Amino acid sequence: MWAEKRDGSALQEFLKEIGCDGVDAVLVTRQVAGCSLGEAQEMFFTARCRVEALAVHNGLVQSLERSQSDV
């Protein structure tokens, strides 16, 4: 599938369909695409099918930032 299109969004849709999410999806993306961890994370978080995962991630980061400002 990757060899045909080299489309990060299509790869994420495929991974989501087979139940591969979160860190596992990022690591699989890295292996399949032969890219860096940062590039794999970008493919994961910018795919339309991963909007919910991005929202959860952003909420967690915001919570961590707020907790750091309370210290």
N, C-alpha and C. Protein backbone atom coordinates (compact mmCIF):
# COMPACT_ATOMS: atom_id res chain seq x y z
N MET A 1 0.81 -1.18 0.00
CA MET A 1 0.00 0.00 0.00
C MET A 1 0.86 1.26 0.00
N TRP A 2 1.85 1.31 0.84
CA TRP A 2 2.75 2.47 0.90
C TRP A 2 3.55 2.59 -0.40
N ALA A 3 4.00 1.46 -0.93
CA ALA A 3 4.82 1.47 -2.14
C ALA A 3 4.06 2.07 -3.33
N GLU A 4 2.74 1.89 -3.36
CA GLU A 4 1.95 2.40 -4.48
C GLU A 4 1.77 3.92 -4.44
N LYS A 5 1.38 4.46 -3.28
CA LYS A 5 0.99 5.86 -3.22
C LYS A 5 1.94 6.76 -2.45
N ARG A 6 2.63 6.21 -1.46
CA ARG A 6 3.47 7.01 -0.56
C ARG A 6 2.69 8.19 0.00
N ASP A 7 1.46 7.90 0.44
CA ASP A 7 0.53 8.90 0.96
C ASP A 7 0.37 8.68 2.46
N GLY A 8 0.88 9.64 3.25
CA GLY A 8 0.82 9.52 4.70
C GLY A 8 -0.59 9.43 5.25
N SER A 9 -1.52 10.17 4.64
CA SER A 9 -2.91 10.13 5.10
C SER A 9 -3.54 8.78 4.81
N ALA A 10 -3.26 8.24 3.63
CA ALA A 10 -3.79 6.92 3.28
C ALA A 10 -3.22 5.86 4.22
N LEU A 11 -1.95 5.99 4.55
CA LEU A 11 -1.33 5.05 5.48
C LEU A 11 -2.01 5.13 6.83
N GLN A 12 -2.27 6.33 7.32
CA GLN A 12 -2.93 6.49 8.62
C GLN A 12 -4.35 5.93 8.60
N GLU A 13 -5.07 6.14 7.51
CA GLU A 13 -6.41 5.58 7.40
C GLU A 13 -6.37 4.06 7.46
N PHE A 14 -5.41 3.47 6.75
CA PHE A 14 -5.25 2.01 6.77
C PHE A 14 -4.93 1.52 8.17
N LEU A 15 -3.98 2.18 8.83
CA LEU A 15 -3.59 1.76 10.18
C LEU A 15 -4.77 1.89 11.15
N LYS A 16 -5.52 2.96 11.02
CA LYS A 16 -6.68 3.14 11.91
C LYS A 16 -7.71 2.05 11.66
N GLU A 17 -7.95 1.70 10.41
CA GLU A 17 -8.92 0.65 10.08
C GLU A 17 -8.56 -0.69 10.70
N ILE A 18 -7.26 -0.97 10.82
CA ILE A 18 -6.85 -2.26 11.38
C ILE A 18 -6.60 -2.17 12.89
N GLY A 19 -6.94 -1.02 13.49
CA GLY A 19 -6.83 -0.87 14.94
C GLY A 19 -5.45 -0.49 15.44
N CYS A 20 -4.63 0.04 14.57
CA CYS A 20 -3.29 0.48 14.96
C CYS A 20 -3.34 1.97 15.24
N ASP A 21 -3.24 2.34 16.52
CA ASP A 21 -3.39 3.74 16.93
C ASP A 21 -2.23 4.17 17.82
N GLY A 22 -2.20 5.46 18.09
CA GLY A 22 -1.26 6.03 19.04
C GLY A 22 0.19 5.78 18.71
N VAL A 23 0.94 5.48 19.75
CA VAL A 23 2.37 5.27 19.61
C VAL A 23 2.67 4.14 18.62
N ASP A 24 1.86 3.10 18.66
CA ASP A 24 2.07 1.98 17.73
C ASP A 24 1.98 2.46 16.29
N ALA A 25 0.99 3.30 15.99
CA ALA A 25 0.82 3.80 14.62
C ALA A 25 1.99 4.68 14.21
N VAL A 26 2.50 5.47 15.13
CA VAL A 26 3.66 6.31 14.83
C VAL A 26 4.87 5.44 14.53
N LEU A 27 5.09 4.41 15.35
CA LEU A 27 6.25 3.54 15.14
C LEU A 27 6.13 2.73 13.85
N VAL A 28 4.93 2.26 13.54
CA VAL A 28 4.72 1.54 12.28
C VAL A 28 4.94 2.49 11.11
N THR A 29 4.43 3.71 11.22
CA THR A 29 4.64 4.71 10.17
C THR A 29 6.12 4.94 9.94
N ARG A 30 6.85 5.06 11.01
CA ARG A 30 8.31 5.28 10.90
C ARG A 30 8.98 4.14 10.14
N GLN A 31 8.61 2.92 10.46
CA GLN A 31 9.20 1.76 9.81
C GLN A 31 8.79 1.65 8.34
N VAL A 32 7.50 1.82 8.09
CA VAL A 32 6.98 1.67 6.72
C VAL A 32 7.51 2.77 5.81
N ALA A 33 7.47 4.01 6.30
CA ALA A 33 7.88 5.14 5.47
C ALA A 33 9.39 5.35 5.48
N GLY A 34 10.09 4.70 6.41
CA GLY A 34 11.54 4.89 6.48
C GLY A 34 11.92 6.32 6.81
N CYS A 35 11.18 6.91 7.76
CA CYS A 35 11.40 8.32 8.09
C CYS A 35 11.79 8.47 9.56
N SER A 36 12.05 9.70 9.95
CA SER A 36 12.42 9.98 11.33
C SER A 36 11.18 9.91 12.23
N LEU A 37 11.41 9.87 13.52
CA LEU A 37 10.31 9.86 14.48
C LEU A 37 9.46 11.13 14.34
N GLY A 38 10.09 12.27 14.18
CA GLY A 38 9.37 13.53 14.02
C GLY A 38 8.50 13.53 12.77
N GLU A 39 9.03 13.00 11.68
CA GLU A 39 8.25 12.93 10.44
C GLU A 39 7.07 11.99 10.58
N ALA A 40 7.28 10.87 11.28
CA ALA A 40 6.19 9.92 11.51
C ALA A 40 5.11 10.54 12.38
N GLN A 41 5.51 11.27 13.40
CA GLN A 41 4.53 11.95 14.26
C GLN A 41 3.75 12.98 13.46
N GLU A 42 4.42 13.69 12.58
CA GLU A 42 3.74 14.69 11.76
C GLU A 42 2.71 14.02 10.84
N MET A 43 3.09 12.89 10.22
CA MET A 43 2.15 12.16 9.38
C MET A 43 0.93 11.71 10.19
N PHE A 44 1.19 11.24 11.40
CA PHE A 44 0.11 10.77 12.28
C PHE A 44 -0.82 11.91 12.65
N PHE A 45 -0.27 12.99 13.18
CA PHE A 45 -1.10 14.06 13.72
C PHE A 45 -1.74 14.95 12.67
N THR A 46 -1.24 14.95 11.43
CA THR A 46 -1.83 15.79 10.39
C THR A 46 -2.85 15.04 9.53
N ALA A 47 -2.97 13.75 9.72
CA ALA A 47 -3.96 12.98 8.95
C ALA A 47 -5.37 13.31 9.46
N ARG A 48 -6.28 13.52 8.53
CA ARG A 48 -7.66 13.87 8.92
C ARG A 48 -8.30 12.82 9.81
N CYS A 49 -7.96 11.57 9.61
CA CYS A 49 -8.57 10.51 10.41
C CYS A 49 -8.03 10.48 11.84
N ARG A 50 -7.01 11.29 12.12
CA ARG A 50 -6.41 11.33 13.45
C ARG A 50 -6.75 12.62 14.20
N VAL A 51 -7.79 13.33 13.78
CA VAL A 51 -8.18 14.59 14.42
C VAL A 51 -8.42 14.40 15.92
N GLU A 52 -9.09 13.33 16.28
CA GLU A 52 -9.38 13.07 17.70
C GLU A 52 -8.09 12.84 18.49
N ALA A 53 -7.15 12.11 17.92
CA ALA A 53 -5.87 11.87 18.59
C ALA A 53 -5.11 13.18 18.79
N LEU A 54 -5.17 14.06 17.79
CA LEU A 54 -4.51 15.36 17.91
C LEU A 54 -5.15 16.18 19.02
N ALA A 55 -6.47 16.15 19.13
CA ALA A 55 -7.16 16.90 20.18
C ALA A 55 -6.76 16.39 21.56
N VAL A 56 -6.69 15.09 21.72
CA VAL A 56 -6.27 14.50 23.00
C VAL A 56 -4.83 14.92 23.32
N HIS A 57 -3.97 14.83 22.33
CA HIS A 57 -2.55 15.22 22.50
C HIS A 57 -2.45 16.68 22.93
N ASN A 58 -3.16 17.56 22.21
CA ASN A 58 -3.10 18.98 22.53
C ASN A 58 -3.64 19.27 23.92
N GLY A 59 -4.70 18.59 24.31
CA GLY A 59 -5.25 18.75 25.65
C GLY A 59 -4.26 18.33 26.73
N LEU A 60 -3.57 17.23 26.50
CA LEU A 60 -2.57 16.77 27.45
C LEU A 60 -1.42 17.76 27.56
N VAL A 61 -0.94 18.24 26.44
CA VAL A 61 0.17 19.21 26.45
C VAL A 61 -0.25 20.48 27.19
N GLN A 62 -1.46 20.95 26.93
CA GLN A 62 -1.95 22.15 27.62
C GLN A 62 -2.04 21.93 29.12
N SER A 63 -2.50 20.76 29.53
CA SER A 63 -2.59 20.45 30.96
C SER A 63 -1.20 20.43 31.59
N LEU A 64 -0.25 19.84 30.90
CA LEU A 64 1.12 19.81 31.41
C LEU A 64 1.70 21.21 31.52
N GLU A 65 1.44 22.04 30.52
CA GLU A 65 1.94 23.42 30.56
C GLU A 65 1.33 24.19 31.73
N ARG A 66 0.02 24.00 31.95
CA ARG A 66 -0.64 24.68 33.07
C ARG A 66 -0.06 24.20 34.41
N SER A 67 0.19 22.90 34.51
CA SER A 67 0.73 22.38 35.77
C SER A 67 2.13 22.91 36.03
N GLN A 68 2.90 23.14 34.98
CA GLN A 68 4.25 23.69 35.14
C GLN A 68 4.21 25.16 35.59
N SER A 69 3.22 25.88 35.14
CA SER A 69 3.12 27.30 35.53
C SER A 69 2.63 27.44 36.97
N ASP A 70 2.03 26.38 37.52
CA ASP A 70 1.56 26.40 38.90
C ASP A 70 2.68 26.15 39.89
N VAL A 71 3.83 25.66 39.42
CA VAL A 71 4.93 25.30 40.31
C VAL A 71 5.69 26.51 40.77
